[in-house]
Amino acid sequence: MAGRVEEFNDFRSRMNERILEIDNRPIKRFFGVDTLTYEPGALDAKTKEMLGLVSSMVLRCDDCVSYHIQQCREAGVTEAEMYDVFSVALVVGGSIVIPHLRRAVAFLDELNARESA
C-alpha cells in the first residue's frame, strides 16, 4: 500500500507532465518562474524553501506544504530547523494553521521513516 509521500509524488509528477503537455505559454512560464524562484540568489535555496514552507502553511495549502517539506529536507533543513519553521508559520498564521501542522508533521514522520528504512 502506497503511503502519502508516494501518492503525493506520483500524482504531482503525473499531473505536472499532463499540464505541461498543453500548449499554453502562460502556464509554462509560471511553472518556469516557480522553478527559478527557488534557485540560489541573494538567499540560498535552503532559506527560500523554508520561506516557501512557512508561506504554504499560512496559506493552508497541504500539497504545497508537502512539497516544501521534501524540498527543505533535500536542501539540508534539519529536524530542529523544521520545527522552527513550523513555529514561525503558527505565529504568522495563528491557530488556523494547527490542522496543517498536524498533516505536516505526519508527512515529515513518513519521510523520516522511509529514510531510516
PDB file of N, CA and C in Angstrom:
ATOM      1  N   MET A   1       0.841  -1.181   0.000  1.00  0.00           N
ATOM      2  CA  MET A   1       0.000   0.000   0.000  1.00  0.00           C
ATOM      3  C   MET A   1       0.887   1.247   0.000  1.00  0.00           C
ATOM      4  N   ALA A   2       0.634   2.119  -0.935  1.00  0.00           N
ATOM      5  CA  ALA A   2       1.422   3.342  -1.053  1.00  0.00           C
ATOM      6  C   ALA A   2       1.087   4.292   0.079  1.00  0.00           C
ATOM      7  N   GLY A   3       2.104   4.936   0.601  1.00  0.00           N
ATOM      8  CA  GLY A   3       1.902   5.924   1.645  1.00  0.00           C
ATOM      9  C   GLY A   3       1.599   7.283   1.043  1.00  0.00           C
ATOM     10  N   ARG A   4       1.375   8.217   1.915  1.00  0.00           N
ATOM     11  CA  ARG A   4       1.035   9.574   1.473  1.00  0.00           C
ATOM     12  C   ARG A   4       2.147  10.205   0.644  1.00  0.00           C
ATOM     13  N   VAL A   5       3.390   9.956   1.022  1.00  0.00           N
ATOM     14  CA  VAL A   5       4.521  10.533   0.292  1.00  0.00           C
ATOM     15  C   VAL A   5       4.522  10.024  -1.148  1.00  0.00           C
ATOM     16  N   GLU A   6       4.395   8.707  -1.324  1.00  0.00           N
ATOM     17  CA  GLU A   6       4.393   8.138  -2.675  1.00  0.00           C
ATOM     18  C   GLU A   6       3.193   8.616  -3.475  1.00  0.00           C
ATOM     19  N   GLU A   7       2.026   8.623  -2.862  1.00  0.00           N
ATOM     20  CA  GLU A   7       0.824   9.081  -3.558  1.00  0.00           C
ATOM     21  C   GLU A   7       0.972  10.533  -3.999  1.00  0.00           C
ATOM     22  N   PHE A   8       1.477  11.355  -3.107  1.00  0.00           N
ATOM     23  CA  PHE A   8       1.676  12.772  -3.434  1.00  0.00           C
ATOM     24  C   PHE A   8       2.645  12.924  -4.600  1.00  0.00           C
ATOM     25  N   ASN A   9       3.799  12.268  -4.518  1.00  0.00           N
ATOM     26  CA  ASN A   9       4.811  12.404  -5.562  1.00  0.00           C
ATOM     27  C   ASN A   9       4.323  11.870  -6.907  1.00  0.00           C
ATOM     28  N   ASP A  10       3.643  10.723  -6.888  1.00  0.00           N
ATOM     29  CA  ASP A  10       3.128  10.153  -8.134  1.00  0.00           C
ATOM     30  C   ASP A  10       2.102  11.072  -8.783  1.00  0.00           C
ATOM     31  N   PHE A  11       1.148  11.553  -7.994  1.00  0.00           N
ATOM     32  CA  PHE A  11       0.107  12.427  -8.531  1.00  0.00           C
ATOM     33  C   PHE A  11       0.718  13.726  -9.053  1.00  0.00           C
ATOM     34  N   ARG A  12       1.600  14.318  -8.270  1.00  0.00           N
ATOM     35  CA  ARG A  12       2.223  15.580  -8.673  1.00  0.00           C
ATOM     36  C   ARG A  12       2.984  15.427  -9.982  1.00  0.00           C
ATOM     37  N   SER A  13       3.793  14.393 -10.095  1.00  0.00           N
ATOM     38  CA  SER A  13       4.559  14.162 -11.326  1.00  0.00           C
ATOM     39  C   SER A  13       3.651  13.926 -12.521  1.00  0.00           C
ATOM     40  N   ARG A  14       2.673  13.068 -12.326  1.00  0.00           N
ATOM     41  CA  ARG A  14       1.755  12.741 -13.418  1.00  0.00           C
ATOM     42  C   ARG A  14       0.998  13.984 -13.901  1.00  0.00           C
ATOM     43  N   MET A  15       0.482  14.750 -12.986  1.00  0.00           N
ATOM     44  CA  MET A  15      -0.306  15.922 -13.368  1.00  0.00           C
ATOM     45  C   MET A  15       0.559  17.056 -13.914  1.00  0.00           C
ATOM     46  N   ASN A  16       1.768  17.229 -13.382  1.00  0.00           N
ATOM     47  CA  ASN A  16       2.668  18.231 -13.952  1.00  0.00           C
ATOM     48  C   ASN A  16       2.983  17.894 -15.407  1.00  0.00           C
ATOM     49  N   GLU A  17       3.264  16.617 -15.684  1.00  0.00           N
ATOM     50  CA  GLU A  17       3.507  16.204 -17.064  1.00  0.00           C
ATOM     51  C   GLU A  17       2.299  16.499 -17.942  1.00  0.00           C
ATOM     52  N   ARG A  18       1.130  16.159 -17.453  1.00  0.00           N
ATOM     53  CA  ARG A  18      -0.103  16.380 -18.216  1.00  0.00           C
ATOM     54  C   ARG A  18      -0.314  17.869 -18.499  1.00  0.00           C
ATOM     55  N   ILE A  19      -0.148  18.689 -17.483  1.00  0.00           N
ATOM     56  CA  ILE A  19      -0.362  20.130 -17.635  1.00  0.00           C
ATOM     57  C   ILE A  19       0.658  20.732 -18.603  1.00  0.00           C
ATOM     58  N   LEU A  20       1.911  20.314 -18.497  1.00  0.00           N
ATOM     59  CA  LEU A  20       2.952  20.899 -19.344  1.00  0.00           C
ATOM     60  C   LEU A  20       2.907  20.383 -20.780  1.00  0.00           C
ATOM     61  N   GLU A  21       2.112  19.341 -21.042  1.00  0.00           N
ATOM     62  CA  GLU A  21       1.876  18.894 -22.425  1.00  0.00           C
ATOM     63  C   GLU A  21       1.031  19.905 -23.191  1.00  0.00           C
ATOM     64  N   ILE A  22       0.224  20.656 -22.457  1.00  0.00           N
ATOM     65  CA  ILE A  22      -0.705  21.600 -23.061  1.00  0.00           C
ATOM     66  C   ILE A  22       0.077  22.791 -23.605  1.00  0.00           C
ATOM     67  N   ASP A  23      -0.285  23.227 -24.789  1.00  0.00           N
ATOM     68  CA  ASP A  23       0.398  24.358 -25.419  1.00  0.00           C
ATOM     69  C   ASP A  23      -0.186  25.665 -24.875  1.00  0.00           C
ATOM     70  N   ASN A  24       0.235  26.018 -23.649  1.00  0.00           N
ATOM     71  CA  ASN A  24      -0.253  27.236 -23.010  1.00  0.00           C
ATOM     72  C   ASN A  24       0.945  27.958 -22.410  1.00  0.00           C
ATOM     73  N   ARG A  25       1.384  28.999 -23.090  1.00  0.00           N
ATOM     74  CA  ARG A  25       2.592  29.712 -22.685  1.00  0.00           C
ATOM     75  C   ARG A  25       2.517  30.303 -21.282  1.00  0.00           C
ATOM     76  N   PRO A  26       1.400  30.948 -20.866  1.00  0.00           N
ATOM     77  CA  PRO A  26       1.364  31.492 -19.503  1.00  0.00           C
ATOM     78  C   PRO A  26       1.547  30.422 -18.422  1.00  0.00           C
ATOM     79  N   ILE A  27       0.916  29.262 -18.602  1.00  0.00           N
ATOM     80  CA  ILE A  27       1.085  28.185 -17.616  1.00  0.00           C
ATOM     81  C   ILE A  27       2.539  27.736 -17.579  1.00  0.00           C
ATOM     82  N   LYS A  28       3.127  27.496 -18.745  1.00  0.00           N
ATOM     83  CA  LYS A  28       4.519  27.042 -18.790  1.00  0.00           C
ATOM     84  C   LYS A  28       5.460  28.083 -18.187  1.00  0.00           C
ATOM     85  N   ARG A  29       5.193  29.344 -18.463  1.00  0.00           N
ATOM     86  CA  ARG A  29       6.054  30.390 -17.910  1.00  0.00           C
ATOM     87  C   ARG A  29       5.915  30.484 -16.391  1.00  0.00           C
ATOM     88  N   PHE A  30       4.685  30.332 -15.894  1.00  0.00           N
ATOM     89  CA  PHE A  30       4.504  30.369 -14.446  1.00  0.00           C
ATOM     90  C   PHE A  30       5.268  29.219 -13.795  1.00  0.00           C
ATOM     91  N   PHE A  31       5.169  28.025 -14.348  1.00  0.00           N
ATOM     92  CA  PHE A  31       5.924  26.889 -13.811  1.00  0.00           C
ATOM     93  C   PHE A  31       7.418  27.197 -13.836  1.00  0.00           C
ATOM     94  N   GLY A  32       7.891  27.828 -14.923  1.00  0.00           N
ATOM     95  CA  GLY A  32       9.300  28.191 -15.023  1.00  0.00           C
ATOM     96  C   GLY A  32       9.718  29.210 -13.978  1.00  0.00           C
ATOM     97  N   VAL A  33       8.890  30.226 -13.772  1.00  0.00           N
ATOM     98  CA  VAL A  33       9.188  31.242 -12.754  1.00  0.00           C
ATOM     99  C   VAL A  33       9.226  30.601 -11.367  1.00  0.00           C
ATOM    100  N   ASP A  34       8.298  29.692 -11.115  1.00  0.00           N
ATOM    101  CA  ASP A  34       8.271  28.993  -9.830  1.00  0.00           C
ATOM    102  C   ASP A  34       9.589  28.249  -9.613  1.00  0.00           C
ATOM    103  N   THR A  35      10.057  27.558 -10.614  1.00  0.00           N
ATOM    104  CA  THR A  35      11.322  26.824 -10.513  1.00  0.00           C
ATOM    105  C   THR A  35      12.492  27.782 -10.283  1.00  0.00           C
ATOM    106  N   LEU A  36      12.546  28.859 -11.052  1.00  0.00           N
ATOM    107  CA  LEU A  36      13.642  29.825 -10.932  1.00  0.00           C
ATOM    108  C   LEU A  36      13.673  30.512  -9.569  1.00  0.00           C
ATOM    109  N   THR A  37      12.503  30.736  -8.995  1.00  0.00           N
ATOM    110  CA  THR A  37      12.416  31.448  -7.726  1.00  0.00           C
ATOM    111  C   THR A  37      13.180  30.744  -6.610  1.00  0.00           C
ATOM    112  N   TYR A  38      13.213  29.431  -6.646  1.00  0.00           N
ATOM    113  CA  TYR A  38      13.846  28.679  -5.565  1.00  0.00           C
ATOM    114  C   TYR A  38      15.311  28.359  -5.818  1.00  0.00           C
ATOM    115  N   GLU A  39      15.854  28.857  -6.933  1.00  0.00           N
ATOM    116  CA  GLU A  39      17.285  28.710  -7.171  1.00  0.00           C
ATOM    117  C   GLU A  39      18.044  29.698  -6.288  1.00  0.00           C
ATOM    118  N   PRO A  40      19.293  29.372  -5.940  1.00  0.00           N
ATOM    119  CA  PRO A  40      20.072  30.288  -5.107  1.00  0.00           C
ATOM    120  C   PRO A  40      20.232  31.657  -5.766  1.00  0.00           C
ATOM    121  N   GLY A  41      20.132  32.671  -4.960  1.00  0.00           N
ATOM    122  CA  GLY A  41      20.340  34.059  -5.390  1.00  0.00           C
ATOM    123  C   GLY A  41      20.918  34.791  -4.204  1.00  0.00           C
ATOM    124  N   ALA A  42      20.341  35.936  -3.867  1.00  0.00           N
ATOM    125  CA  ALA A  42      20.770  36.642  -2.651  1.00  0.00           C
ATOM    126  C   ALA A  42      20.504  35.760  -1.430  1.00  0.00           C
ATOM    127  N   LEU A  43      19.435  34.950  -1.517  1.00  0.00           N
ATOM    128  CA  LEU A  43      19.150  33.948  -0.488  1.00  0.00           C
ATOM    129  C   LEU A  43      19.505  32.574  -1.041  1.00  0.00           C
ATOM    130  N   ASP A  44      20.016  31.705  -0.182  1.00  0.00           N
ATOM    131  CA  ASP A  44      20.313  30.355  -0.651  1.00  0.00           C
ATOM    132  C   ASP A  44      19.017  29.546  -0.803  1.00  0.00           C
ATOM    133  N   ALA A  45      19.114  28.435  -1.504  1.00  0.00           N
ATOM    134  CA  ALA A  45      17.938  27.604  -1.788  1.00  0.00           C
ATOM    135  C   ALA A  45      17.289  27.087  -0.496  1.00  0.00           C
ATOM    136  N   LYS A  46      18.096  26.763   0.492  1.00  0.00           N
ATOM    137  CA  LYS A  46      17.568  26.260   1.765  1.00  0.00           C
ATOM    138  C   LYS A  46      16.661  27.310   2.415  1.00  0.00           C
ATOM    139  N   THR A  47      17.117  28.533   2.482  1.00  0.00           N
ATOM    140  CA  THR A  47      16.318  29.606   3.076  1.00  0.00           C
ATOM    141  C   THR A  47      15.041  29.823   2.283  1.00  0.00           C
ATOM    142  N   LYS A  48      15.147  29.824   0.962  1.00  0.00           N
ATOM    143  CA  LYS A  48      13.969  30.021   0.123  1.00  0.00           C
ATOM    144  C   LYS A  48      12.940  28.907   0.342  1.00  0.00           C
ATOM    145  N   GLU A  49      13.389  27.679   0.488  1.00  0.00           N
ATOM    146  CA  GLU A  49      12.451  26.571   0.732  1.00  0.00           C
ATOM    147  C   GLU A  49      11.776  26.712   2.096  1.00  0.00           C
ATOM    148  N   MET A  50      12.525  27.172   3.088  1.00  0.00           N
ATOM    149  CA  MET A  50      11.912  27.386   4.407  1.00  0.00           C
ATOM    150  C   MET A  50      10.866  28.496   4.321  1.00  0.00           C
ATOM    151  N   LEU A  51      11.154  29.545   3.571  1.00  0.00           N
ATOM    152  CA  LEU A  51      10.166  30.615   3.362  1.00  0.00           C
ATOM    153  C   LEU A  51       8.939  30.073   2.636  1.00  0.00           C
ATOM    154  N   GLY A  52       9.170  29.237   1.650  1.00  0.00           N
ATOM    155  CA  GLY A  52       8.062  28.623   0.921  1.00  0.00           C
ATOM    156  C   GLY A  52       7.203  27.758   1.826  1.00  0.00           C
ATOM    157  N   LEU A  53       7.844  27.051   2.746  1.00  0.00           N
ATOM    158  CA  LEU A  53       7.101  26.202   3.678  1.00  0.00           C
ATOM    159  C   LEU A  53       6.253  27.041   4.629  1.00  0.00           C
ATOM    160  N   VAL A  54       6.814  28.097   5.178  1.00  0.00           N
ATOM    161  CA  VAL A  54       6.030  28.982   6.050  1.00  0.00           C
ATOM    162  C   VAL A  54       4.837  29.550   5.281  1.00  0.00           C
ATOM    163  N   SER A  55       5.098  30.062   4.096  1.00  0.00           N
ATOM    164  CA  SER A  55       4.023  30.646   3.291  1.00  0.00           C
ATOM    165  C   SER A  55       2.935  29.626   2.997  1.00  0.00           C
ATOM    166  N   SER A  56       3.331  28.427   2.653  1.00  0.00           N
ATOM    167  CA  SER A  56       2.361  27.379   2.325  1.00  0.00           C
ATOM    168  C   SER A  56       1.504  27.003   3.521  1.00  0.00           C
ATOM    169  N   MET A  57       2.129  26.970   4.692  1.00  0.00           N
ATOM    170  CA  MET A  57       1.353  26.646   5.899  1.00  0.00           C
ATOM    171  C   MET A  57       0.357  27.755   6.215  1.00  0.00           C
ATOM    172  N   VAL A  58       0.813  28.990   6.109  1.00  0.00           N
ATOM    173  CA  VAL A  58      -0.064  30.126   6.406  1.00  0.00           C
ATOM    174  C   VAL A  58      -1.204  30.212   5.384  1.00  0.00           C
ATOM    175  N   LEU A  59      -0.896  29.899   4.132  1.00  0.00           N
ATOM    176  CA  LEU A  59      -1.931  29.915   3.089  1.00  0.00           C
ATOM    177  C   LEU A  59      -2.773  28.638   3.096  1.00  0.00           C
ATOM    178  N   ARG A  60      -2.391  27.682   3.917  1.00  0.00           N
ATOM    179  CA  ARG A  60      -3.146  26.446   4.146  1.00  0.00           C
ATOM    180  C   ARG A  60      -3.276  25.579   2.896  1.00  0.00           C
ATOM    181  N   CYS A  61      -2.142  25.387   2.230  1.00  0.00           N
ATOM    182  CA  CYS A  61      -2.098  24.523   1.045  1.00  0.00           C
ATOM    183  C   CYS A  61      -1.315  23.259   1.386  1.00  0.00           C
ATOM    184  N   ASP A  62      -2.037  22.176   1.677  1.00  0.00           N
ATOM    185  CA  ASP A  62      -1.374  20.946   2.090  1.00  0.00           C
ATOM    186  C   ASP A  62      -0.442  20.375   1.026  1.00  0.00           C
ATOM    187  N   ASP A  63      -0.823  20.472  -0.254  1.00  0.00           N
ATOM    188  CA  ASP A  63       0.077  20.000  -1.311  1.00  0.00           C
ATOM    189  C   ASP A  63       1.378  20.792  -1.300  1.00  0.00           C
ATOM    190  N   CYS A  64       1.263  22.104  -1.150  1.00  0.00           N
ATOM    191  CA  CYS A  64       2.458  22.956  -1.118  1.00  0.00           C
ATOM    192  C   CYS A  64       3.299  22.658   0.119  1.00  0.00           C
ATOM    193  N   VAL A  65       2.645  22.432   1.243  1.00  0.00           N
ATOM    194  CA  VAL A  65       3.363  22.093   2.479  1.00  0.00           C
ATOM    195  C   VAL A  65       4.163  20.810   2.259  1.00  0.00           C
ATOM    196  N   SER A  66       3.517  19.792   1.705  1.00  0.00           N
ATOM    197  CA  SER A  66       4.206  18.515   1.461  1.00  0.00           C
ATOM    198  C   SER A  66       5.395  18.712   0.528  1.00  0.00           C
ATOM    199  N   TYR A  67       5.183  19.448  -0.542  1.00  0.00           N
ATOM    200  CA  TYR A  67       6.255  19.694  -1.496  1.00  0.00           C
ATOM    201  C   TYR A  67       7.434  20.397  -0.818  1.00  0.00           C
ATOM    202  N   HIS A  68       7.150  21.455  -0.073  1.00  0.00           N
ATOM    203  CA  HIS A  68       8.240  22.216   0.538  1.00  0.00           C
ATOM    204  C   HIS A  68       8.919  21.453   1.670  1.00  0.00           C
ATOM    205  N   ILE A  69       8.206  20.579   2.347  1.00  0.00           N
ATOM    206  CA  ILE A  69       8.867  19.726   3.348  1.00  0.00           C
ATOM    207  C   ILE A  69       9.916  18.863   2.662  1.00  0.00           C
ATOM    208  N   GLN A  70       9.545  18.261   1.546  1.00  0.00           N
ATOM    209  CA  GLN A  70      10.517  17.438   0.819  1.00  0.00           C
ATOM    210  C   GLN A  70      11.686  18.268   0.312  1.00  0.00           C
ATOM    211  N   GLN A  71      11.392  19.444  -0.232  1.00  0.00           N
ATOM    212  CA  GLN A  71      12.458  20.300  -0.744  1.00  0.00           C
ATOM    213  C   GLN A  71      13.358  20.792   0.385  1.00  0.00           C
ATOM    214  N   CYS A  72      12.758  21.098   1.532  1.00  0.00           N
ATOM    215  CA  CYS A  72      13.562  21.502   2.694  1.00  0.00           C
ATOM    216  C   CYS A  72      14.509  20.381   3.101  1.00  0.00           C
ATOM    217  N   ARG A  73      13.999  19.167   3.139  1.00  0.00           N
ATOM    218  CA  ARG A  73      14.851  18.036   3.512  1.00  0.00           C
ATOM    219  C   ARG A  73      15.998  17.884   2.526  1.00  0.00           C
ATOM    220  N   GLU A  74      15.688  17.990   1.227  1.00  0.00           N
ATOM    221  CA  GLU A  74      16.735  17.873   0.207  1.00  0.00           C
ATOM    222  C   GLU A  74      17.754  19.006   0.316  1.00  0.00           C
ATOM    223  N   ALA A  75      17.316  20.170   0.792  1.00  0.00           N
ATOM    224  CA  ALA A  75      18.219  21.318   0.937  1.00  0.00           C
ATOM    225  C   ALA A  75      19.015  21.256   2.246  1.00  0.00           C
ATOM    226  N   GLY A  76      18.755  20.242   3.067  1.00  0.00           N
ATOM    227  CA  GLY A  76      19.530  20.064   4.290  1.00  0.00           C
ATOM    228  C   GLY A  76      18.919  20.659   5.539  1.00  0.00           C
ATOM    229  N   VAL A  77      17.641  20.989   5.509  1.00  0.00           N
ATOM    230  CA  VAL A  77      16.981  21.521   6.704  1.00  0.00           C
ATOM    231  C   VAL A  77      16.901  20.402   7.740  1.00  0.00           C
ATOM    232  N   THR A  78      17.382  20.697   8.928  1.00  0.00           N
ATOM    233  CA  THR A  78      17.387  19.698   9.999  1.00  0.00           C
ATOM    234  C   THR A  78      16.000  19.590  10.642  1.00  0.00           C
ATOM    235  N   GLU A  79      15.837  18.582  11.451  1.00  0.00           N
ATOM    236  CA  GLU A  79      14.576  18.394  12.169  1.00  0.00           C
ATOM    237  C   GLU A  79      14.291  19.601  13.075  1.00  0.00           C
ATOM    238  N   ALA A  80      15.313  20.068  13.783  1.00  0.00           N
ATOM    239  CA  ALA A  80      15.132  21.227  14.667  1.00  0.00           C
ATOM    240  C   ALA A  80      14.758  22.480  13.863  1.00  0.00           C
ATOM    241  N   GLU A  81      15.410  22.683  12.731  1.00  0.00           N
ATOM    242  CA  GLU A  81      15.071  23.823  11.882  1.00  0.00           C
ATOM    243  C   GLU A  81      13.642  23.711  11.355  1.00  0.00           C
ATOM    244  N   MET A  82      13.236  22.490  11.023  1.00  0.00           N
ATOM    245  CA  MET A  82      11.880  22.280  10.512  1.00  0.00           C
ATOM    246  C   MET A  82      10.853  22.730  11.547  1.00  0.00           C
ATOM    247  N   TYR A  83      11.082  22.389  12.799  1.00  0.00           N
ATOM    248  CA  TYR A  83      10.130  22.789  13.840  1.00  0.00           C
ATOM    249  C   TYR A  83      10.186  24.295  14.116  1.00  0.00           C
ATOM    250  N   ASP A  84      11.323  24.914  13.900  1.00  0.00           N
ATOM    251  CA  ASP A  84      11.370  26.384  13.964  1.00  0.00           C
ATOM    252  C   ASP A  84      10.535  26.992  12.842  1.00  0.00           C
ATOM    253  N   VAL A  85      10.619  26.417  11.661  1.00  0.00           N
ATOM    254  CA  VAL A  85       9.804  26.878  10.535  1.00  0.00           C
ATOM    255  C   VAL A  85       8.325  26.735  10.893  1.00  0.00           C
ATOM    256  N   PHE A  86       7.959  25.579  11.450  1.00  0.00           N
ATOM    257  CA  PHE A  86       6.565  25.351  11.849  1.00  0.00           C
ATOM    258  C   PHE A  86       6.114  26.398  12.865  1.00  0.00           C
ATOM    259  N   SER A  87       6.996  26.744  13.803  1.00  0.00           N
ATOM    260  CA  SER A  87       6.609  27.716  14.831  1.00  0.00           C
ATOM    261  C   SER A  87       6.399  29.108  14.229  1.00  0.00           C
ATOM    262  N   VAL A  88       7.215  29.478  13.241  1.00  0.00           N
ATOM    263  CA  VAL A  88       7.012  30.764  12.568  1.00  0.00           C
ATOM    264  C   VAL A  88       5.662  30.760  11.855  1.00  0.00           C
ATOM    265  N   ALA A  89       5.343  29.672  11.185  1.00  0.00           N
ATOM    266  CA  ALA A  89       4.055  29.571  10.484  1.00  0.00           C
ATOM    267  C   ALA A  89       2.890  29.704  11.464  1.00  0.00           C
ATOM    268  N   LEU A  90       3.010  29.104  12.630  1.00  0.00           N
ATOM    269  CA  LEU A  90       1.951  29.213  13.639  1.00  0.00           C
ATOM    270  C   LEU A  90       1.781  30.644  14.128  1.00  0.00           C
ATOM    271  N   VAL A  91       2.885  31.319  14.381  1.00  0.00           N
ATOM    272  CA  VAL A  91       2.804  32.694  14.874  1.00  0.00           C
ATOM    273  C   VAL A  91       2.212  33.608  13.805  1.00  0.00           C
ATOM    274  N   VAL A  92       2.641  33.432  12.575  1.00  0.00           N
ATOM    275  CA  VAL A  92       2.147  34.279  11.487  1.00  0.00           C
ATOM    276  C   VAL A  92       0.692  33.957  11.156  1.00  0.00           C
ATOM    277  N   GLY A  93       0.380  32.668  11.089  1.00  0.00           N
ATOM    278  CA  GLY A  93      -0.951  32.257  10.637  1.00  0.00           C
ATOM    279  C   GLY A  93      -1.976  32.053  11.728  1.00  0.00           C
ATOM    280  N   GLY A  94      -1.537  31.847  12.940  1.00  0.00           N
ATOM    281  CA  GLY A  94      -2.471  31.626  14.032  1.00  0.00           C
ATOM    282  C   GLY A  94      -2.964  30.187  14.121  1.00  0.00           C
ATOM    283  N   SER A  95      -3.974  29.983  14.942  1.00  0.00           N
ATOM    284  CA  SER A  95      -4.448  28.634  15.240  1.00  0.00           C
ATOM    285  C   SER A  95      -5.038  27.916  14.031  1.00  0.00           C
ATOM    286  N   ILE A  96      -5.429  28.648  12.996  1.00  0.00           N
ATOM    287  CA  ILE A  96      -5.960  28.012  11.789  1.00  0.00           C
ATOM    288  C   ILE A  96      -4.899  27.135  11.125  1.00  0.00           C
ATOM    289  N   VAL A  97      -3.635  27.364  11.444  1.00  0.00           N
ATOM    290  CA  VAL A  97      -2.534  26.592  10.867  1.00  0.00           C
ATOM    291  C   VAL A  97      -2.382  25.227  11.559  1.00  0.00           C
ATOM    292  N   ILE A  98      -2.940  25.059  12.740  1.00  0.00           N
ATOM    293  CA  ILE A  98      -2.740  23.821  13.507  1.00  0.00           C
ATOM    294  C   ILE A  98      -3.111  22.559  12.726  1.00  0.00           C
ATOM    295  N   PRO A  99      -4.256  22.489  12.024  1.00  0.00           N
ATOM    296  CA  PRO A  99      -4.539  21.268  11.264  1.00  0.00           C
ATOM    297  C   PRO A  99      -3.482  20.975  10.188  1.00  0.00           C
ATOM    298  N   HIS A 100      -2.929  22.029   9.607  1.00  0.00           N
ATOM    299  CA  HIS A 100      -1.900  21.863   8.580  1.00  0.00           C
ATOM    300  C   HIS A 100      -0.574  21.472   9.222  1.00  0.00           C
ATOM    301  N   LEU A 101      -0.349  21.927  10.435  1.00  0.00           N
ATOM    302  CA  LEU A 101       0.823  21.492  11.193  1.00  0.00           C
ATOM    303  C   LEU A 101       0.736  19.994  11.467  1.00  0.00           C
ATOM    304  N   ARG A 102      -0.438  19.526  11.842  1.00  0.00           N
ATOM    305  CA  ARG A 102      -0.616  18.084  12.096  1.00  0.00           C
ATOM    306  C   ARG A 102      -0.259  17.273  10.849  1.00  0.00           C
ATOM    307  N   ARG A 103      -0.804  17.687   9.704  1.00  0.00           N
ATOM    308  CA  ARG A 103      -0.530  16.953   8.472  1.00  0.00           C
ATOM    309  C   ARG A 103       0.936  17.099   8.052  1.00  0.00           C
ATOM    310  N   ALA A 104       1.520  18.257   8.323  1.00  0.00           N
ATOM    311  CA  ALA A 104       2.937  18.462   8.005  1.00  0.00           C
ATOM    312  C   ALA A 104       3.815  17.525   8.825  1.00  0.00           C
ATOM    313  N   VAL A 105       3.534  17.414  10.110  1.00  0.00           N
ATOM    314  CA  VAL A 105       4.323  16.528  10.972  1.00  0.00           C
ATOM    315  C   VAL A 105       4.124  15.070  10.559  1.00  0.00           C
ATOM    316  N   ALA A 106       2.906  14.692  10.214  1.00  0.00           N
ATOM    317  CA  ALA A 106       2.655  13.319   9.756  1.00  0.00           C
ATOM    318  C   ALA A 106       3.440  13.035   8.470  1.00  0.00           C
ATOM    319  N   PHE A 107       3.468  13.998   7.551  1.00  0.00           N
ATOM    320  CA  PHE A 107       4.208  13.845   6.302  1.00  0.00           C
ATOM    321  C   PHE A 107       5.706  13.741   6.589  1.00  0.00           C
ATOM    322  N   LEU A 108       6.209  14.600   7.463  1.00  0.00           N
ATOM    323  CA  LEU A 108       7.617  14.571   7.848  1.00  0.00           C
ATOM    324  C   LEU A 108       7.964  13.249   8.517  1.00  0.00           C
ATOM    325  N   ASP A 109       7.092  12.762   9.395  1.00  0.00           N
ATOM    326  CA  ASP A 109       7.323  11.466  10.043  1.00  0.00           C
ATOM    327  C   ASP A 109       7.419  10.337   9.015  1.00  0.00           C
ATOM    328  N   GLU A 110       6.553  10.389   7.988  1.00  0.00           N
ATOM    329  CA  GLU A 110       6.606   9.361   6.952  1.00  0.00           C
ATOM    330  C   GLU A 110       7.909   9.456   6.160  1.00  0.00           C
ATOM    331  N   LEU A 111       8.340  10.677   5.854  1.00  0.00           N
ATOM    332  CA  LEU A 111       9.629  10.845   5.169  1.00  0.00           C
ATOM    333  C   LEU A 111      10.763  10.279   6.027  1.00  0.00           C
ATOM    334  N   ASN A 112      10.747  10.592   7.312  1.00  0.00           N
ATOM    335  CA  ASN A 112      11.783  10.091   8.216  1.00  0.00           C
ATOM    336  C   ASN A 112      11.790   8.566   8.257  1.00  0.00           C
ATOM    337  N   ALA A 113      10.609   7.964   8.320  1.00  0.00           N
ATOM    338  CA  ALA A 113      10.500   6.504   8.367  1.00  0.00           C
ATOM    339  C   ALA A 113      11.041   5.882   7.076  1.00  0.00           C
ATOM    340  N   ARG A 114      10.747   6.511   5.945  1.00  0.00           N
ATOM    341  CA  ARG A 114      11.248   6.000   4.660  1.00  0.00           C
ATOM    342  C   ARG A 114      12.762   6.094   4.581  1.00  0.00           C
ATOM    343  N   GLU A 115      13.306   7.203   5.097  1.00  0.00           N
ATOM    344  CA  GLU A 115      14.753   7.407   5.033  1.00  0.00           C
ATOM    345  C   GLU A 115      15.498   6.456   5.958  1.00  0.00           C
ATOM    346  N   SER A 116      14.883   6.083   7.070  1.00  0.00           N
ATOM    347  CA  SER A 116      15.571   5.214   8.021  1.00  0.00           C
ATOM    348  C   SER A 116      15.333   3.736   7.727  1.00  0.00           C
ATOM    349  N   ALA A 117      14.478   3.439   6.745  1.00  0.00           N
ATOM    350  CA  ALA A 117      14.194   2.028   6.401  1.00  0.00           C
ATOM    351  C   ALA A 117      15.270   1.454   5.505  1.00  0.00           C
TER     352      ALA A 117
END
